[in-house]
N, C-alpha and C. Protein backbone atom coordinates (compact mmCIF):
# COMPACT_ATOMS: atom_id res chain seq x y z
N MET A 1 -169.07 8.10 50.26
CA MET A 1 -169.94 7.54 49.24
C MET A 1 -171.10 8.51 48.98
N PRO A 2 -171.12 9.17 47.84
CA PRO A 2 -172.14 10.18 47.57
C PRO A 2 -173.54 9.61 47.38
N SER A 3 -173.67 8.38 46.93
CA SER A 3 -175.00 7.84 46.68
C SER A 3 -175.76 7.61 47.99
N SER A 4 -175.09 7.27 49.07
CA SER A 4 -175.78 7.09 50.35
C SER A 4 -176.34 8.42 50.86
N ASN A 5 -175.65 9.51 50.55
CA ASN A 5 -176.13 10.83 50.93
C ASN A 5 -177.45 11.15 50.21
N ILE A 6 -177.55 10.76 48.97
CA ILE A 6 -178.78 10.99 48.21
C ILE A 6 -179.93 10.20 48.82
N PHE A 7 -179.67 8.94 49.16
CA PHE A 7 -180.72 8.11 49.75
C PHE A 7 -181.15 8.64 51.12
N GLN A 8 -180.21 9.18 51.88
CA GLN A 8 -180.56 9.76 53.18
C GLN A 8 -181.45 10.98 53.00
N ARG A 9 -181.13 11.81 52.01
CA ARG A 9 -181.96 12.99 51.74
C ARG A 9 -183.36 12.60 51.29
N ILE A 10 -183.46 11.56 50.46
CA ILE A 10 -184.77 11.08 50.01
C ILE A 10 -185.56 10.55 51.19
N ARG A 11 -184.93 9.77 52.04
CA ARG A 11 -185.60 9.22 53.21
C ARG A 11 -186.10 10.33 54.13
N GLN A 12 -185.28 11.38 54.35
CA GLN A 12 -185.70 12.50 55.19
C GLN A 12 -186.86 13.26 54.55
N SER A 13 -186.83 13.42 53.24
CA SER A 13 -187.92 14.12 52.56
C SER A 13 -189.22 13.34 52.67
N LEU A 14 -189.14 12.02 52.57
CA LEU A 14 -190.34 11.20 52.69
C LEU A 14 -190.91 11.28 54.10
N LYS A 15 -190.06 11.36 55.09
CA LYS A 15 -190.53 11.47 56.48
C LYS A 15 -191.22 12.81 56.72
N ARG A 16 -190.67 13.87 56.15
CA ARG A 16 -191.24 15.20 56.35
C ARG A 16 -192.47 15.44 55.49
N GLY A 17 -192.55 14.80 54.34
CA GLY A 17 -193.64 15.07 53.41
C GLY A 17 -193.37 16.36 52.67
N GLY A 18 -194.40 17.09 52.33
CA GLY A 18 -194.22 18.39 51.71
C GLY A 18 -194.46 18.37 50.22
N PRO A 19 -194.26 19.52 49.60
CA PRO A 19 -194.58 19.65 48.17
C PRO A 19 -193.66 18.86 47.26
N GLY A 20 -192.42 18.64 47.65
CA GLY A 20 -191.51 17.87 46.80
C GLY A 20 -191.96 16.43 46.66
N VAL A 21 -192.37 15.84 47.76
CA VAL A 21 -192.84 14.45 47.73
C VAL A 21 -194.16 14.36 46.98
N ALA A 22 -195.05 15.30 47.22
CA ALA A 22 -196.33 15.29 46.51
C ALA A 22 -196.10 15.44 45.00
N GLY A 23 -195.21 16.32 44.61
CA GLY A 23 -194.89 16.50 43.19
C GLY A 23 -194.28 15.26 42.57
N ALA A 24 -193.43 14.60 43.32
CA ALA A 24 -192.81 13.38 42.81
C ALA A 24 -193.85 12.28 42.62
N ILE A 25 -194.77 12.16 43.56
CA ILE A 25 -195.81 11.13 43.44
C ILE A 25 -196.73 11.42 42.27
N VAL A 26 -197.12 12.67 42.10
CA VAL A 26 -197.97 13.06 40.96
C VAL A 26 -197.24 12.82 39.65
N GLY A 27 -195.98 13.20 39.58
CA GLY A 27 -195.19 12.98 38.38
C GLY A 27 -195.04 11.51 38.04
N PHE A 28 -194.82 10.70 39.05
CA PHE A 28 -194.71 9.27 38.84
C PHE A 28 -196.02 8.68 38.34
N ALA A 29 -197.14 9.12 38.91
CA ALA A 29 -198.45 8.63 38.48
C ALA A 29 -198.72 9.02 37.03
N ILE A 30 -198.39 10.26 36.67
CA ILE A 30 -198.59 10.71 35.28
C ILE A 30 -197.72 9.90 34.33
N ALA A 31 -196.49 9.63 34.73
CA ALA A 31 -195.60 8.83 33.88
C ALA A 31 -196.15 7.41 33.69
N LEU A 32 -196.67 6.81 34.75
CA LEU A 32 -197.24 5.47 34.62
C LEU A 32 -198.45 5.46 33.71
N ILE A 33 -199.31 6.46 33.84
CA ILE A 33 -200.49 6.53 32.98
C ILE A 33 -200.07 6.73 31.52
N TRP A 34 -199.06 7.56 31.29
CA TRP A 34 -198.58 7.81 29.93
C TRP A 34 -198.04 6.53 29.31
N VAL A 35 -197.24 5.80 30.07
CA VAL A 35 -196.67 4.56 29.55
C VAL A 35 -197.77 3.53 29.30
N ARG A 36 -198.72 3.46 30.18
CA ARG A 36 -199.77 2.43 30.08
C ARG A 36 -200.78 2.74 28.97
N PHE A 37 -201.22 3.99 28.86
CA PHE A 37 -202.32 4.33 27.96
C PHE A 37 -201.93 5.15 26.74
N GLY A 38 -200.84 5.86 26.77
CA GLY A 38 -200.44 6.71 25.65
C GLY A 38 -200.77 8.17 25.94
N PHE A 39 -200.28 9.06 25.05
CA PHE A 39 -200.36 10.49 25.30
C PHE A 39 -201.79 11.02 25.29
N PHE A 40 -202.58 10.66 24.28
CA PHE A 40 -203.91 11.26 24.16
C PHE A 40 -204.86 10.77 25.24
N ARG A 41 -204.74 9.53 25.63
CA ARG A 41 -205.55 9.06 26.75
C ARG A 41 -205.12 9.71 28.05
N LEU A 42 -203.81 9.92 28.20
CA LEU A 42 -203.30 10.66 29.36
C LEU A 42 -203.88 12.05 29.39
N LEU A 43 -203.88 12.72 28.25
CA LEU A 43 -204.43 14.07 28.16
C LEU A 43 -205.92 14.07 28.53
N PHE A 44 -206.65 13.09 28.06
CA PHE A 44 -208.08 12.96 28.38
C PHE A 44 -208.27 12.77 29.89
N ILE A 45 -207.47 11.91 30.50
CA ILE A 45 -207.57 11.67 31.94
C ILE A 45 -207.24 12.94 32.72
N LEU A 46 -206.22 13.67 32.30
CA LEU A 46 -205.85 14.91 33.00
C LEU A 46 -206.92 15.98 32.87
N VAL A 47 -207.54 16.08 31.69
CA VAL A 47 -208.61 17.07 31.50
C VAL A 47 -209.81 16.73 32.38
N LEU A 48 -210.18 15.45 32.43
CA LEU A 48 -211.31 15.07 33.28
C LEU A 48 -210.98 15.25 34.77
N THR A 49 -209.74 15.01 35.14
CA THR A 49 -209.34 15.23 36.53
C THR A 49 -209.42 16.71 36.88
N ALA A 50 -208.93 17.57 35.99
CA ALA A 50 -209.00 19.01 36.23
C ALA A 50 -210.45 19.48 36.29
N LEU A 51 -211.29 18.96 35.42
CA LEU A 51 -212.71 19.30 35.44
C LEU A 51 -213.36 18.87 36.75
N GLY A 52 -213.05 17.67 37.20
CA GLY A 52 -213.57 17.18 38.47
C GLY A 52 -213.10 18.02 39.64
N TYR A 53 -211.86 18.45 39.61
CA TYR A 53 -211.33 19.31 40.67
C TYR A 53 -212.07 20.65 40.68
N TYR A 54 -212.25 21.23 39.50
CA TYR A 54 -212.94 22.51 39.40
C TYR A 54 -214.38 22.40 39.89
N LEU A 55 -215.09 21.36 39.45
CA LEU A 55 -216.47 21.18 39.89
C LEU A 55 -216.55 20.92 41.39
N GLY A 56 -215.59 20.18 41.92
CA GLY A 56 -215.57 19.93 43.35
C GLY A 56 -215.36 21.20 44.16
N ILE A 57 -214.46 22.04 43.72
CA ILE A 57 -214.21 23.31 44.40
C ILE A 57 -215.40 24.25 44.24
N ARG A 58 -215.95 24.29 43.05
CA ARG A 58 -217.01 25.25 42.74
C ARG A 58 -218.34 24.88 43.40
N TYR A 59 -218.71 23.60 43.34
CA TYR A 59 -220.05 23.22 43.76
C TYR A 59 -220.12 22.43 45.06
N PHE A 60 -219.08 21.73 45.43
CA PHE A 60 -219.18 20.84 46.57
C PHE A 60 -218.40 21.31 47.79
N SER A 61 -217.93 22.54 47.80
CA SER A 61 -217.18 23.03 48.95
C SER A 61 -218.10 23.43 50.10
N ASP A 62 -219.37 23.71 49.81
CA ASP A 62 -220.33 24.11 50.82
C ASP A 62 -221.47 23.10 50.85
N ARG A 63 -221.79 22.58 52.03
CA ARG A 63 -222.86 21.56 52.14
C ARG A 63 -224.21 22.11 51.70
N GLU A 64 -224.49 23.36 51.99
CA GLU A 64 -225.77 23.94 51.63
C GLU A 64 -225.93 24.03 50.11
N THR A 65 -224.85 24.30 49.41
CA THR A 65 -224.89 24.33 47.95
C THR A 65 -225.22 22.96 47.39
N VAL A 66 -224.65 21.93 47.98
CA VAL A 66 -224.93 20.57 47.53
C VAL A 66 -226.39 20.22 47.80
N ARG A 67 -226.92 20.61 48.95
CA ARG A 67 -228.32 20.33 49.26
C ARG A 67 -229.26 21.03 48.29
N ARG A 68 -228.97 22.30 47.98
CA ARG A 68 -229.80 23.02 47.01
C ARG A 68 -229.73 22.37 45.64
N TRP A 69 -228.55 21.91 45.26
CA TRP A 69 -228.35 21.26 43.97
C TRP A 69 -229.14 19.94 43.92
N LEU A 70 -229.09 19.16 44.99
CA LEU A 70 -229.85 17.91 45.04
C LEU A 70 -231.35 18.17 45.07
N ASP A 71 -231.79 19.26 45.73
CA ASP A 71 -233.22 19.60 45.74
C ASP A 71 -233.72 19.97 44.35
N LYS A 72 -232.85 20.51 43.51
CA LYS A 72 -233.25 20.80 42.13
C LYS A 72 -233.43 19.52 41.33
N ILE A 73 -232.61 18.52 41.61
CA ILE A 73 -232.66 17.28 40.85
C ILE A 73 -233.75 16.35 41.37
N PHE A 74 -233.76 16.15 42.70
CA PHE A 74 -234.72 15.24 43.34
C PHE A 74 -235.77 16.07 44.08
N PRO A 75 -236.90 15.46 44.43
CA PRO A 75 -237.89 16.20 45.22
C PRO A 75 -237.30 16.67 46.55
N PRO A 76 -237.60 17.90 46.96
CA PRO A 76 -237.00 18.44 48.19
C PRO A 76 -237.29 17.57 49.42
N GLY A 77 -236.26 17.28 50.17
CA GLY A 77 -236.38 16.56 51.42
C GLY A 77 -236.54 15.06 51.29
N LYS A 78 -236.62 14.54 50.08
CA LYS A 78 -236.87 13.11 49.92
C LYS A 78 -235.67 12.26 50.34
N PHE A 79 -234.46 12.74 50.13
CA PHE A 79 -233.27 11.93 50.41
C PHE A 79 -232.50 12.43 51.61
N ARG A 80 -233.12 13.22 52.48
CA ARG A 80 -232.46 13.67 53.71
C ARG A 80 -233.20 13.19 54.90
């Protein structure tokens, strides 16, 4: 029975994790958003997600950078 072989491979992939499972989950989430909201709203959500990822990598990867950024916005030392 070839279909049981497919299910066994899927089960093994889920146990191991890895990029295939992560890609499948991301693809499934994108498909759900597309069906629920439509193409242009999906595009808007993806652009904001990419922007958030970029800002997170650029500005929030180092704690000292975040502290300096907060000191520019709020009085220094007030919230620490």
